[in-house]
N, C-alpha and C. Protein backbone atom coordinates (compact mmCIF):
# COMPACT_ATOMS: atom_id res chain seq x y z
N LEU A 1 -15.47 -27.12 -5.56
CA LEU A 1 -14.92 -26.40 -6.67
C LEU A 1 -14.09 -26.74 -7.34
N TYR A 2 -12.85 -27.35 -6.92
CA TYR A 2 -11.44 -28.16 -6.97
C TYR A 2 -11.57 -29.55 -7.72
N TYR A 3 -12.87 -30.57 -7.13
CA TYR A 3 -12.64 -31.70 -7.83
C TYR A 3 -14.02 -31.85 -8.59
N THR A 4 -14.16 -30.37 -9.09
CA THR A 4 -15.28 -29.87 -10.42
C THR A 4 -14.64 -29.26 -11.39
N ASP A 5 -13.37 -29.51 -10.77
CA ASP A 5 -12.44 -28.63 -12.37
C ASP A 5 -12.73 -26.83 -12.36
N LYS A 6 -13.45 -26.16 -11.47
CA LYS A 6 -13.96 -24.60 -11.47
C LYS A 6 -12.86 -24.11 -10.57
N GLN A 7 -13.08 -23.31 -10.76
CA GLN A 7 -11.86 -21.86 -10.12
C GLN A 7 -12.75 -20.77 -9.49
N TYR A 8 -12.75 -20.49 -8.21
CA TYR A 8 -13.40 -19.66 -7.64
C TYR A 8 -13.22 -18.41 -8.21
N LEU A 9 -12.04 -17.74 -7.91
CA LEU A 9 -11.77 -16.02 -8.19
C LEU A 9 -12.16 -15.24 -7.42
N SER A 10 -13.09 -15.53 -6.47
CA SER A 10 -13.65 -14.17 -5.54
C SER A 10 -13.35 -14.61 -4.19
N PHE A 11 -12.35 -15.59 -3.66
CA PHE A 11 -12.33 -15.86 -2.67
C PHE A 11 -11.94 -14.46 -1.59
N GLN A 12 -13.04 -14.20 -0.66
CA GLN A 12 -12.76 -12.79 0.39
C GLN A 12 -13.83 -12.46 1.46
N PRO A 13 -13.66 -11.98 2.64
CA PRO A 13 -14.17 -12.36 3.56
C PRO A 13 -15.87 -12.49 3.21
N SER A 14 -15.64 -10.83 2.47
CA SER A 14 -16.91 -10.46 2.27
C SER A 14 -17.99 -11.60 1.19
N ASN A 15 -17.59 -12.56 0.99
CA ASN A 15 -18.27 -12.91 0.04
C ASN A 15 -18.33 -14.35 0.87
N ILE A 16 -17.74 -14.68 2.03
CA ILE A 16 -18.25 -16.00 2.81
C ILE A 16 -19.38 -15.54 3.69
N LEU A 17 -20.55 -16.21 3.91
CA LEU A 17 -21.66 -15.91 4.68
C LEU A 17 -21.91 -16.98 5.10
N VAL A 18 -22.57 -16.59 6.63
CA VAL A 18 -22.66 -17.79 7.52
C VAL A 18 -24.30 -17.65 8.43
N ASN A 19 -24.73 -18.56 8.86
CA ASN A 19 -25.99 -18.63 9.08
C ASN A 19 -26.10 -18.52 10.75
N SER A 20 -27.43 -18.90 11.64
CA SER A 20 -26.94 -18.76 12.50
C SER A 20 -27.31 -20.30 13.12
N ARG A 21 -26.81 -20.89 12.21
CA ARG A 21 -26.98 -22.29 12.42
C ARG A 21 -25.33 -23.04 12.54
N GLY A 22 -24.52 -21.63 12.27
CA GLY A 22 -22.99 -21.84 11.73
C GLY A 22 -22.93 -22.03 10.71
N GLU A 23 -23.55 -22.69 9.54
CA GLU A 23 -23.31 -23.00 8.80
C GLU A 23 -22.68 -21.72 7.43
N ILE A 24 -21.29 -22.44 7.08
CA ILE A 24 -20.39 -21.33 6.28
C ILE A 24 -21.20 -21.78 4.75
N LYS A 25 -21.16 -20.68 3.63
CA LYS A 25 -20.80 -21.28 2.34
C LYS A 25 -20.50 -20.03 1.59
N LEU A 26 -19.96 -20.07 0.33
CA LEU A 26 -19.58 -19.30 -0.63
C LEU A 26 -20.23 -18.42 -1.39
N CYS A 27 -20.37 -17.12 -1.83
CA CYS A 27 -20.89 -16.55 -2.55
C CYS A 27 -20.58 -15.91 -3.90
N ASP A 28 -21.37 -15.02 -4.38
CA ASP A 28 -20.73 -14.52 -5.44
C ASP A 28 -20.31 -15.13 -6.85
N PHE A 29 -20.79 -16.20 -7.18
CA PHE A 29 -19.86 -17.05 -8.44
C PHE A 29 -19.95 -16.54 -9.51
N GLY A 30 -20.43 -15.51 -9.76
CA GLY A 30 -20.62 -14.99 -11.42
C GLY A 30 -19.47 -14.83 -11.52
N VAL A 31 -17.91 -14.68 -10.73
CA VAL A 31 -17.00 -14.33 -11.77
C VAL A 31 -16.43 -16.14 -11.56
N SER A 32 -17.16 -17.15 -11.01
CA SER A 32 -15.83 -18.24 -11.11
C SER A 32 -16.09 -18.54 -13.02
N GLY A 33 -15.03 -19.65 -12.58
CA GLY A 33 -14.91 -20.14 -14.23
C GLY A 33 -14.17 -21.55 -14.42
N GLN A 34 -14.81 -22.13 -15.58
CA GLN A 34 -14.51 -23.17 -15.65
C GLN A 34 -13.38 -23.38 -16.15
N LEU A 35 -12.30 -24.53 -15.88
CA LEU A 35 -11.05 -24.58 -16.06
C LEU A 35 -10.98 -25.48 -17.51
N ILE A 36 -10.05 -24.80 -18.15
CA ILE A 36 -9.62 -25.59 -19.33
C ILE A 36 -7.84 -25.89 -19.18
N ASP A 37 -7.84 -26.90 -19.13
CA ASP A 37 -6.06 -27.73 -18.96
C ASP A 37 -5.92 -27.20 -17.69
N SER A 38 -6.65 -27.23 -16.56
CA SER A 38 -6.43 -26.35 -15.26
C SER A 38 -6.09 -25.34 -15.07
N MET A 39 -5.95 -24.94 -16.35
CA MET A 39 -5.60 -22.95 -16.69
C MET A 39 -6.54 -22.19 -16.85
N ALA A 40 -6.30 -21.10 -16.21
CA ALA A 40 -7.85 -19.65 -16.44
C ALA A 40 -6.69 -18.73 -17.18
N ASN A 41 -7.42 -17.72 -17.87
CA ASN A 41 -6.60 -16.62 -18.75
C ASN A 41 -7.61 -15.41 -18.64
N SER A 42 -8.63 -15.58 -18.08
CA SER A 42 -9.31 -14.31 -17.28
C SER A 42 -8.80 -13.91 -16.82
N PHE A 43 -9.13 -12.00 -16.84
CA PHE A 43 -8.37 -11.04 -15.36
C PHE A 43 -9.52 -10.43 -14.69
N VAL A 44 -10.63 -11.74 -13.84
CA VAL A 44 -11.46 -10.98 -13.16
C VAL A 44 -11.61 -11.61 -11.93
N GLY A 45 -12.47 -10.79 -10.82
CA GLY A 45 -12.89 -11.19 -9.59
C GLY A 45 -12.12 -9.59 -9.13
N THR A 46 -11.91 -9.78 -7.13
CA THR A 46 -11.25 -8.76 -6.70
C THR A 46 -9.69 -8.16 -6.38
N ARG A 47 -9.55 -7.17 -7.15
CA ARG A 47 -7.71 -7.20 -6.97
C ARG A 47 -7.09 -6.98 -5.93
N SER A 48 -7.82 -7.06 -5.41
CA SER A 48 -6.95 -6.70 -4.35
C SER A 48 -6.84 -8.37 -2.72
N TYR A 49 -7.89 -8.92 -3.40
CA TYR A 49 -7.31 -10.10 -2.96
C TYR A 49 -6.27 -11.54 -3.99
N MET A 50 -6.42 -11.16 -5.50
CA MET A 50 -5.78 -11.78 -5.88
C MET A 50 -4.20 -11.94 -6.11
N SER A 51 -3.93 -13.50 -6.53
CA SER A 51 -2.32 -13.78 -6.36
C SER A 51 -1.52 -13.17 -7.16
N PRO A 52 -0.20 -12.84 -6.56
CA PRO A 52 0.61 -12.68 -7.46
C PRO A 52 0.61 -12.52 -8.65
N GLU A 53 0.56 -13.82 -9.32
CA GLU A 53 0.80 -14.20 -10.85
C GLU A 53 -0.54 -14.20 -11.33
N ARG A 54 -1.74 -13.75 -11.08
CA ARG A 54 -2.73 -13.09 -11.87
C ARG A 54 -2.46 -11.72 -12.08
N LEU A 55 -2.11 -11.01 -10.73
CA LEU A 55 -1.40 -9.27 -10.98
C LEU A 55 -0.78 -9.32 -12.17
N GLN A 56 0.52 -10.18 -12.28
CA GLN A 56 1.63 -10.14 -12.69
C GLN A 56 1.16 -10.57 -14.29
N GLY A 57 -0.04 -10.95 -15.00
CA GLY A 57 -1.06 -11.38 -15.93
C GLY A 57 -0.08 -12.95 -16.57
N THR A 58 0.27 -13.56 -15.72
CA THR A 58 0.81 -14.83 -16.17
C THR A 58 -0.29 -15.77 -16.00
N HIS A 59 -0.41 -17.04 -15.99
CA HIS A 59 -1.22 -18.11 -15.98
C HIS A 59 -1.50 -18.62 -15.22
N TYR A 60 -2.37 -18.93 -14.08
CA TYR A 60 -3.22 -19.01 -13.14
C TYR A 60 -3.84 -20.18 -12.95
N SER A 61 -4.05 -20.89 -11.92
CA SER A 61 -5.16 -22.19 -11.75
C SER A 61 -5.67 -21.84 -10.38
N VAL A 62 -5.67 -23.07 -9.48
CA VAL A 62 -6.40 -23.16 -8.86
C VAL A 62 -5.78 -22.43 -7.45
N GLN A 63 -4.49 -22.74 -7.68
CA GLN A 63 -3.55 -22.53 -6.76
C GLN A 63 -3.44 -20.61 -6.16
N SER A 64 -4.43 -19.95 -6.81
CA SER A 64 -4.52 -18.50 -7.10
C SER A 64 -5.84 -18.69 -5.98
N ASP A 65 -6.75 -19.51 -6.17
CA ASP A 65 -7.56 -19.48 -4.95
C ASP A 65 -6.94 -19.67 -3.37
N ILE A 66 -5.95 -20.58 -3.84
CA ILE A 66 -5.03 -20.53 -2.02
C ILE A 66 -4.92 -19.32 -1.32
N TRP A 67 -4.07 -19.11 -2.61
CA TRP A 67 -3.19 -17.51 -2.11
C TRP A 67 -4.28 -16.69 -1.59
N SER A 68 -6.08 -16.30 -1.85
CA SER A 68 -6.78 -15.21 -1.94
C SER A 68 -7.01 -16.35 -0.10
N MET A 69 -7.41 -17.29 -0.26
CA MET A 69 -7.82 -18.23 1.30
C MET A 69 -6.92 -17.98 2.20
N GLY A 70 -5.85 -17.81 2.42
CA GLY A 70 -4.69 -17.62 3.42
C GLY A 70 -5.02 -15.77 3.16
N LEU A 71 -4.81 -14.93 2.63
CA LEU A 71 -4.63 -13.61 2.83
C LEU A 71 -6.35 -13.35 3.40
N SER A 72 -7.09 -13.44 2.81
CA SER A 72 -9.01 -13.43 3.77
C SER A 72 -8.94 -14.24 5.25
N LEU A 73 -7.48 -15.13 5.51
CA LEU A 73 -7.99 -16.02 6.94
C LEU A 73 -6.93 -14.55 7.89
N VAL A 74 -5.98 -14.24 7.20
CA VAL A 74 -4.91 -13.42 7.82
C VAL A 74 -6.47 -11.89 8.37
N GLU A 75 -6.88 -11.62 7.15
CA GLU A 75 -7.81 -10.77 7.73
C GLU A 75 -8.96 -10.68 8.49
N MET A 76 -9.12 -11.81 8.60
CA MET A 76 -10.24 -12.05 9.70
C MET A 76 -9.75 -12.48 10.73
N ALA A 77 -8.22 -12.82 10.89
CA ALA A 77 -7.81 -13.27 12.29
C ALA A 77 -7.06 -11.81 12.62
N ILE A 78 -6.97 -10.72 12.49
CA ILE A 78 -6.70 -9.37 12.98
C ILE A 78 -7.64 -8.50 12.80
N GLY A 79 -8.50 -8.56 12.26
CA GLY A 79 -9.49 -7.30 11.65
C GLY A 79 -9.42 -5.98 11.10
N ARG A 80 -8.71 -6.73 10.27
CA ARG A 80 -8.35 -5.55 9.45
C ARG A 80 -7.90 -6.74 8.04
N PHE A 81 -7.75 -5.45 6.72
CA PHE A 81 -7.12 -6.22 5.69
C PHE A 81 -5.35 -6.05 5.95
N PRO A 82 -5.05 -7.08 5.20
CA PRO A 82 -3.40 -7.71 6.36
C PRO A 82 -2.27 -6.24 5.17
N ILE A 83 -2.82 -5.88 4.30
CA ILE A 83 -1.73 -5.11 3.57
C ILE A 83 -2.13 -3.73 3.76
N PRO A 84 -1.27 -2.87 3.36
CA PRO A 84 0.64 -2.91 4.53
C PRO A 84 0.40 -3.44 5.77
N PRO A 85 1.31 -4.34 6.29
CA PRO A 85 0.82 -5.42 7.58
C PRO A 85 0.78 -4.29 8.88
N PRO A 86 0.14 -4.56 10.05
CA PRO A 86 -0.10 -3.65 11.22
C PRO A 86 1.36 -3.89 11.74
N ASP A 87 1.91 -2.45 12.50
CA ASP A 87 3.55 -2.17 13.25
C ASP A 87 2.87 -2.86 15.10
N ALA A 88 3.81 -2.98 15.27
CA ALA A 88 3.79 -3.95 16.61
C ALA A 88 2.45 -2.74 17.65
N LYS A 89 2.52 -1.24 16.99
CA LYS A 89 1.49 -0.80 18.00
C LYS A 89 0.19 -0.72 17.54
N GLU A 90 0.15 -0.96 16.15
CA GLU A 90 -0.94 -1.11 15.46
C GLU A 90 -1.79 -2.72 16.46
N LEU A 91 -1.04 -3.39 16.33
CA LEU A 91 -1.23 -4.99 17.08
C LEU A 91 -1.84 -4.77 18.28
N GLU A 92 -0.77 -4.20 19.07
CA GLU A 92 -1.35 -3.91 20.74
C GLU A 92 -2.49 -3.30 20.53
N LYS A 93 -2.70 -2.16 19.54
CA LYS A 93 -4.15 -1.79 19.90
C LYS A 93 -5.20 -2.30 19.00
N ILE A 94 -4.90 -3.62 18.45
CA ILE A 94 -6.07 -4.61 17.79
C ILE A 94 -6.72 -5.14 18.94
N PHE A 95 -5.19 -6.60 19.75
CA PHE A 95 -5.81 -6.56 20.67
C PHE A 95 -5.73 -6.77 22.19
N GLY A 96 -5.50 -5.75 22.39
CA GLY A 96 -5.55 -5.12 23.96
C GLY A 96 -4.32 -5.37 24.70
N PHE A 97 -3.30 -5.58 24.65
CA PHE A 97 -1.68 -5.89 24.94
C PHE A 97 -1.14 -6.52 23.92
N PRO A 98 0.35 -6.24 24.16
CA PRO A 98 1.70 -6.35 23.61
C PRO A 98 1.53 -7.64 22.98
N VAL A 99 1.89 -7.73 21.58
CA VAL A 99 1.72 -9.05 20.92
C VAL A 99 3.01 -9.42 20.88
N GLU A 100 3.58 -10.68 21.03
CA GLU A 100 4.90 -11.43 21.09
C GLU A 100 5.06 -12.16 20.15
N GLY A 101 6.43 -12.31 19.40
CA GLY A 101 6.89 -13.61 18.36
C GLY A 101 6.54 -12.65 17.14
N GLU A 102 6.42 -13.56 15.86
CA GLU A 102 6.50 -12.84 14.73
C GLU A 102 5.26 -11.81 14.63
N ALA A 103 5.51 -10.38 14.58
CA ALA A 103 4.30 -9.80 13.98
C ALA A 103 4.22 -10.29 12.44
N ALA A 104 2.97 -9.30 12.13
CA ALA A 104 2.28 -9.41 10.68
C ALA A 104 3.22 -8.99 9.58
N CYS A 105 4.22 -7.85 10.18
CA CYS A 105 5.28 -7.86 9.08
C CYS A 105 5.96 -8.30 8.93
N SER A 106 7.40 -7.91 8.42
CA SER A 106 7.95 -8.16 7.84
C SER A 106 9.12 -7.34 7.66
N GLU A 107 10.66 -7.78 8.77
CA GLU A 107 11.54 -6.64 8.70
C GLU A 107 12.05 -5.92 7.40
N SER A 108 11.58 -6.78 6.49
CA SER A 108 12.27 -6.33 4.92
C SER A 108 11.76 -5.25 3.70
N SER A 109 9.97 -5.60 5.04
CA SER A 109 9.28 -4.30 4.27
C SER A 109 9.35 -3.04 4.52
N PRO A 110 8.89 -2.32 3.31
CA PRO A 110 9.20 -0.73 3.61
C PRO A 110 8.59 -0.17 4.54
N GLN A 111 8.32 1.51 4.89
CA GLN A 111 8.34 2.05 6.01
C GLN A 111 6.70 1.98 6.32
N PRO A 112 6.02 1.67 7.29
CA PRO A 112 4.49 1.52 7.57
C PRO A 112 3.84 2.33 7.13
N GLN A 113 2.64 1.94 6.27
CA GLN A 113 2.18 3.14 5.90
C GLN A 113 0.36 2.49 6.07
N PRO A 114 -0.12 3.44 5.84
CA PRO A 114 -1.80 3.65 7.04
C PRO A 114 -2.59 2.54 5.54
N PRO A 115 -2.86 1.44 6.78
CA PRO A 115 -3.86 0.40 5.95
C PRO A 115 -5.20 0.91 5.32
N GLY A 116 -5.23 0.14 4.66
CA GLY A 116 -6.88 0.24 3.65
C GLY A 116 -6.15 -0.48 2.64
N ARG A 117 -7.56 -0.35 1.59
CA ARG A 117 -7.61 -0.90 -0.10
C ARG A 117 -8.81 -0.15 -0.79
N PRO A 118 -8.28 -0.24 -1.88
CA PRO A 118 -9.49 0.89 -2.80
C PRO A 118 -10.55 0.37 -2.38
N GLY A 119 -11.36 1.73 -2.27
CA GLY A 119 -12.90 1.53 -2.10
C GLY A 119 -13.46 1.57 -0.56
N SER A 120 -12.12 1.62 -0.08
CA SER A 120 -12.81 1.10 1.82
C SER A 120 -11.89 2.17 2.47
N SER A 121 -12.16 2.29 3.56
CA SER A 121 -11.34 3.09 4.73
C SER A 121 -11.61 2.90 5.93
N TYR A 122 -10.46 2.97 6.59
CA TYR A 122 -10.90 3.08 8.00
C TYR A 122 -10.72 4.14 9.39
N GLY A 123 -11.03 5.32 8.36
CA GLY A 123 -11.29 5.73 9.72
C GLY A 123 -9.93 7.99 8.91
N PRO A 124 -10.31 8.50 9.08
CA PRO A 124 -9.75 9.64 8.70
C PRO A 124 -8.13 9.35 8.64
N ASP A 125 -7.80 9.13 9.80
CA ASP A 125 -6.64 8.54 9.63
C ASP A 125 -6.15 7.24 9.37
N ARG A 126 -6.57 6.70 8.81
CA ARG A 126 -6.01 5.20 7.58
C ARG A 126 -6.79 5.56 6.64
N PRO A 127 -6.28 6.03 5.19
CA PRO A 127 -6.80 6.51 4.10
C PRO A 127 -6.39 5.30 3.38
N PRO A 128 -7.44 4.46 2.61
CA PRO A 128 -7.13 3.51 1.35
C PRO A 128 -6.06 3.59 0.62
N MET A 129 -5.10 2.45 0.17
CA MET A 129 -4.01 2.86 -0.44
C MET A 129 -4.37 2.90 -1.69
N ALA A 130 -3.77 3.42 -2.61
CA ALA A 130 -4.37 3.63 -4.06
C ALA A 130 -4.31 2.03 -4.73
N ILE A 131 -4.87 1.60 -5.87
CA ILE A 131 -5.06 0.16 -6.53
C ILE A 131 -3.57 -0.32 -6.77
N PHE A 132 -2.95 0.56 -7.47
CA PHE A 132 -1.72 0.16 -7.99
C PHE A 132 -0.48 0.39 -6.56
N GLU A 133 -0.34 0.87 -5.76
CA GLU A 133 0.71 0.60 -4.48
C GLU A 133 0.02 -0.30 -3.82
N LEU A 134 -1.17 -0.86 -3.64
CA LEU A 134 -1.47 -2.11 -3.74
C LEU A 134 -1.12 -3.24 -4.32
N LEU A 135 -1.37 -3.50 -5.63
CA LEU A 135 -1.00 -4.32 -6.12
C LEU A 135 0.08 -4.22 -6.39
N ASP A 136 1.56 -3.71 -6.64
CA ASP A 136 2.59 -3.33 -6.29
C ASP A 136 3.32 -3.97 -5.48
N TYR A 137 2.52 -3.69 -3.85
CA TYR A 137 2.94 -4.31 -2.54
C TYR A 137 2.72 -5.73 -2.88
N ILE A 138 1.54 -6.46 -3.06
CA ILE A 138 1.64 -7.69 -3.54
C ILE A 138 2.49 -8.55 -4.14
N VAL A 139 3.35 -7.97 -5.39
CA VAL A 139 3.68 -8.67 -6.24
C VAL A 139 5.29 -8.21 -5.76
N ASN A 140 5.64 -7.05 -4.94
CA ASN A 140 6.85 -7.01 -4.43
C ASN A 140 7.17 -7.37 -3.41
N GLU A 141 6.21 -7.05 -2.43
CA GLU A 141 6.98 -7.19 -0.84
C GLU A 141 6.19 -8.64 -0.55
N PRO A 142 7.33 -8.75 0.21
CA PRO A 142 6.68 -10.11 2.00
C PRO A 142 5.36 -10.23 1.81
N PRO A 143 4.60 -11.43 1.54
CA PRO A 143 3.54 -11.86 2.10
C PRO A 143 2.99 -11.15 3.56
N PRO A 144 1.84 -11.28 3.94
CA PRO A 144 1.38 -11.40 5.45
C PRO A 144 1.59 -12.65 6.07
N LYS A 145 1.75 -12.41 7.47
CA LYS A 145 1.95 -13.51 8.07
C LYS A 145 1.07 -12.95 9.22
N LEU A 146 0.88 -14.57 10.00
CA LEU A 146 -0.71 -13.95 11.17
C LEU A 146 0.66 -13.57 12.38
N PRO A 147 0.14 -12.65 13.41
CA PRO A 147 0.96 -11.96 15.23
C PRO A 147 1.77 -13.74 15.14
N GLY A 148 2.37 -13.37 16.39
CA GLY A 148 2.78 -14.46 17.32
C GLY A 148 1.30 -15.26 18.30
N ILE A 149 0.21 -14.55 18.38
CA ILE A 149 -0.54 -15.36 19.29
C ILE A 149 -1.17 -16.15 18.61
N PHE A 150 -0.82 -16.44 17.65
CA PHE A 150 -1.80 -17.52 16.98
C PHE A 150 -0.88 -18.68 16.76
N GLY A 151 -1.41 -19.52 16.85
CA GLY A 151 -0.96 -21.08 17.05
C GLY A 151 -0.27 -21.82 16.14
N SER A 152 1.10 -22.55 16.20
CA SER A 152 1.70 -22.80 15.03
C SER A 152 1.26 -23.38 14.27
N GLU A 153 0.43 -24.04 14.21
CA GLU A 153 -0.36 -24.77 12.86
C GLU A 153 -1.01 -23.91 12.07
N PHE A 154 -1.69 -22.74 13.18
CA PHE A 154 -2.73 -21.79 12.18
C PHE A 154 -1.37 -21.22 11.70
N GLN A 155 -0.73 -20.62 12.00
CA GLN A 155 0.45 -19.66 11.44
C GLN A 155 1.18 -20.30 10.21
N ASP A 156 1.77 -21.85 10.22
CA ASP A 156 1.94 -22.40 9.06
C ASP A 156 0.91 -22.77 7.86
N PHE A 157 -0.07 -23.13 8.29
CA PHE A 157 -1.59 -23.73 7.33
C PHE A 157 -0.87 -21.90 6.08
N VAL A 158 -1.42 -20.61 7.24
CA VAL A 158 -1.53 -19.56 6.00
C VAL A 158 -0.29 -19.29 5.17
N ASN A 159 1.07 -19.45 6.46
CA ASN A 159 2.33 -19.81 5.11
C ASN A 159 1.69 -20.19 4.15
N LYS A 160 1.66 -21.44 3.76
CA LYS A 160 1.57 -22.68 3.11
C LYS A 160 1.01 -21.80 1.47
N CYS A 161 0.09 -20.92 2.41
CA CYS A 161 -1.60 -20.49 1.28
C CYS A 161 -0.38 -19.65 0.77
N LEU A 162 0.19 -18.38 1.37
CA LEU A 162 0.97 -17.27 0.96
C LEU A 162 2.48 -17.36 0.60
N ILE A 163 2.95 -18.18 0.06
CA ILE A 163 3.51 -18.18 -0.53
C ILE A 163 3.71 -18.07 -2.22
N LYS A 164 4.58 -17.09 -2.54
CA LYS A 164 4.29 -15.97 -3.93
C LYS A 164 4.67 -17.28 -5.04
N ASN A 165 5.13 -17.98 -5.15
CA ASN A 165 5.34 -19.06 -6.51
C ASN A 165 4.38 -19.86 -6.00
N PRO A 166 3.49 -19.90 -7.24
CA PRO A 166 2.42 -21.18 -7.01
C PRO A 166 2.41 -22.33 -7.19
N ALA A 167 4.27 -23.05 -8.08
CA ALA A 167 4.32 -24.16 -7.93
C ALA A 167 4.87 -24.07 -7.09
N GLU A 168 5.12 -23.52 -5.81
CA GLU A 168 5.81 -23.99 -4.17
C GLU A 168 4.69 -23.60 -3.01
N ARG A 169 3.46 -23.18 -3.50
CA ARG A 169 2.17 -22.84 -2.73
C ARG A 169 1.97 -24.07 -2.31
N ALA A 170 1.32 -24.53 -1.01
CA ALA A 170 0.40 -25.98 -1.17
C ALA A 170 -0.69 -25.98 -1.61
N ASP A 171 -0.82 -27.20 -2.42
CA ASP A 171 -2.71 -26.92 -3.08
C ASP A 171 -4.07 -27.56 -2.00
N LEU A 172 -4.85 -27.88 -2.35
CA LEU A 172 -5.97 -28.53 -1.74
C LEU A 172 -5.57 -28.87 -0.89
N LYS A 173 -5.16 -30.30 -1.83
CA LYS A 173 -5.26 -31.67 -1.33
C LYS A 173 -3.83 -31.62 -0.13
N GLN A 174 -2.95 -30.91 -0.15
CA GLN A 174 -2.18 -30.67 1.10
C GLN A 174 -3.04 -30.28 2.65
N MET A 175 -3.68 -29.31 2.07
CA MET A 175 -3.90 -28.32 3.00
C MET A 175 -4.65 -29.04 3.59
N MET A 176 -5.56 -30.27 3.19
CA MET A 176 -6.92 -30.84 3.66
C MET A 176 -6.51 -31.77 4.96
N VAL A 177 -5.20 -31.70 4.34
CA VAL A 177 -4.71 -32.80 5.85
C VAL A 177 -3.35 -32.44 6.29
N HIS A 178 -3.42 -30.68 6.29
CA HIS A 178 -3.18 -29.93 7.19
C HIS A 178 -2.89 -30.20 8.74
N SER A 179 -1.85 -29.91 9.24
CA SER A 179 -2.28 -30.14 10.83
C SER A 179 -3.28 -29.30 11.51
N PHE A 180 -3.42 -28.14 10.92
CA PHE A 180 -4.62 -27.14 11.58
C PHE A 180 -5.57 -27.63 11.16
N ILE A 181 -6.02 -28.51 10.04
CA ILE A 181 -7.31 -28.58 9.91
C ILE A 181 -7.17 -30.10 10.48
N LYS A 182 -6.31 -31.00 11.00
CA LYS A 182 -6.49 -32.43 12.17
C LYS A 182 -6.90 -31.76 13.12
N LEU A 183 -6.43 -30.64 13.79
CA LEU A 183 -6.46 -30.32 15.17
C LEU A 183 -7.94 -29.42 14.95
N SER A 184 -8.03 -28.81 14.15
CA SER A 184 -9.88 -28.40 14.32
C SER A 184 -11.05 -29.64 14.20
N GLU A 185 -10.49 -30.45 13.36
CA GLU A 185 -11.62 -31.03 13.44
C GLU A 185 -11.86 -32.07 14.71
N ALA A 186 -10.53 -32.12 15.75
CA ALA A 186 -11.03 -32.52 17.00
C ALA A 186 -11.16 -32.30 17.85
N GLU A 187 -11.54 -30.39 17.27
CA GLU A 187 -11.84 -29.64 18.44
C GLU A 187 -13.58 -29.70 18.69
N GLN A 188 -14.14 -29.56 19.53
CA GLN A 188 -15.64 -29.32 19.44
C GLN A 188 -15.98 -27.63 20.02
N VAL A 189 -16.29 -26.97 18.87
CA VAL A 189 -16.72 -25.65 18.74
C VAL A 189 -18.21 -24.64 19.11
N ASP A 190 -18.54 -24.93 19.68
CA ASP A 190 -19.91 -23.87 19.40
C ASP A 190 -19.94 -22.86 18.67
N PHE A 191 -19.74 -22.83 17.45
CA PHE A 191 -19.70 -21.62 16.91
C PHE A 191 -20.80 -21.14 16.43
N ALA A 192 -22.26 -21.70 16.50
CA ALA A 192 -23.25 -21.15 16.10
C ALA A 192 -23.64 -20.87 17.52
N GLY A 193 -23.35 -21.35 18.61
CA GLY A 193 -23.50 -20.89 19.89
C GLY A 193 -22.70 -19.05 20.17
N TRP A 194 -21.91 -18.79 19.78
CA TRP A 194 -20.87 -17.56 20.14
C TRP A 194 -21.09 -17.22 18.67
N LEU A 195 -21.83 -17.75 17.47
CA LEU A 195 -21.94 -15.93 16.57
C LEU A 195 -23.54 -15.80 16.78
N CYS A 196 -24.27 -16.23 17.72
CA CYS A 196 -25.48 -15.47 17.80
C CYS A 196 -25.50 -15.27 19.22
N SER A 197 -24.80 -15.21 19.95
CA SER A 197 -24.50 -14.66 21.58
C SER A 197 -23.86 -13.59 20.81
N THR A 198 -23.27 -13.01 20.12
CA THR A 198 -22.28 -12.36 19.57
C THR A 198 -23.42 -10.82 18.82
N ILE A 199 -23.79 -11.78 17.90
CA ILE A 199 -24.66 -10.70 17.63
C ILE A 199 -26.36 -10.54 17.51
N GLY A 200 -26.48 -11.47 18.73
CA GLY A 200 -27.98 -11.60 19.39
C GLY A 200 -29.16 -12.23 18.76
N LEU A 201 -28.75 -13.20 18.03
CA LEU A 201 -30.03 -13.97 16.97
C LEU A 201 -30.36 -15.18 18.31
N ASN A 202 -31.45 -15.63 18.24
CA ASN A 202 -31.92 -16.96 19.03
C ASN A 202 -30.99 -18.04 18.34
N GLN A 203 -30.34 -18.60 19.63
CA GLN A 203 -29.72 -19.90 18.93
C GLN A 203 -30.53 -20.46 18.06
N PRO A 204 -30.13 -21.62 17.37
CA PRO A 204 -31.38 -23.11 16.59
C PRO A 204 -31.46 -24.41 17.93
N VAL A 205 -32.60 -25.24 18.07
CA VAL A 205 -32.62 -26.12 18.56
C VAL A 205 -31.06 -27.00 18.53
N THR A 206 -31.19 -27.03 17.23
CA THR A 206 -29.92 -27.95 17.20
C THR A 206 -28.46 -27.16 16.61
N PRO A 207 -28.01 -26.34 16.94
CA PRO A 207 -26.63 -25.98 16.58
C PRO A 207 -25.93 -27.05 15.40
N THR A 208 -25.03 -25.93 14.94
CA THR A 208 -23.87 -26.64 14.21
C THR A 208 -22.58 -26.68 14.88
N HIS A 209 -21.74 -27.68 14.66
CA HIS A 209 -20.76 -27.61 15.71
C HIS A 209 -19.42 -27.06 14.13
N SER A 210 -18.96 -26.33 14.49
CA SER A 210 -18.01 -26.46 13.35
C SER A 210 -16.85 -25.89 13.89
N THR A 211 -15.19 -26.09 12.65
CA THR A 211 -14.17 -26.29 13.14
C THR A 211 -13.64 -24.98 13.80
N ALA A 212 -12.78 -25.02 14.36
CA ALA A 212 -12.69 -23.65 15.55
C ALA A 212 -11.21 -23.37 14.81
N MET A 213 -10.75 -22.01 15.12
CA MET A 213 -9.30 -21.63 14.30
C MET A 213 -8.33 -20.84 14.96
């Protein structure tokens, strides 16, 4: 997409497909837009994954997809939408043990709120945030961070994705040479085998080996 001057505009976990061979593809290209002079002017896509510059109505480019990717990575890592961020007690409940190091929230953040997102709920004790409350949080509060149990390369990769100023946010070329990507490429992980065993599928004869997170 980057090299064909197209912006995805809808990067989120629900639009990431994977098959029994471990092959990963993106879907929902109905909101993808052709870039004109590397900029886009429409207001489309899923708002809860939009970058701050899109929510503020300013010009945005492919850097907006980098933000959405970082937010999606945090969600897939902790198992829930990361805004508002989980506190230490919730992280312990998620991972089954106390999480040391920097949590997925900042000390400068406001009082913890029930996690959620528009149109979804995590149960009666976790109502979704109102849409305007969520959008205000994305624009005005610190971005999410990974808990300290994850590797430093992964944490740094996500941090570079979730820089609010798009001019300071890493671009795709920088992300592709990041140490996290290089480390993942060097590791041999039977992602297809893990996936099939987890959801009870028969593993293909020639599974695809994928990079690790």
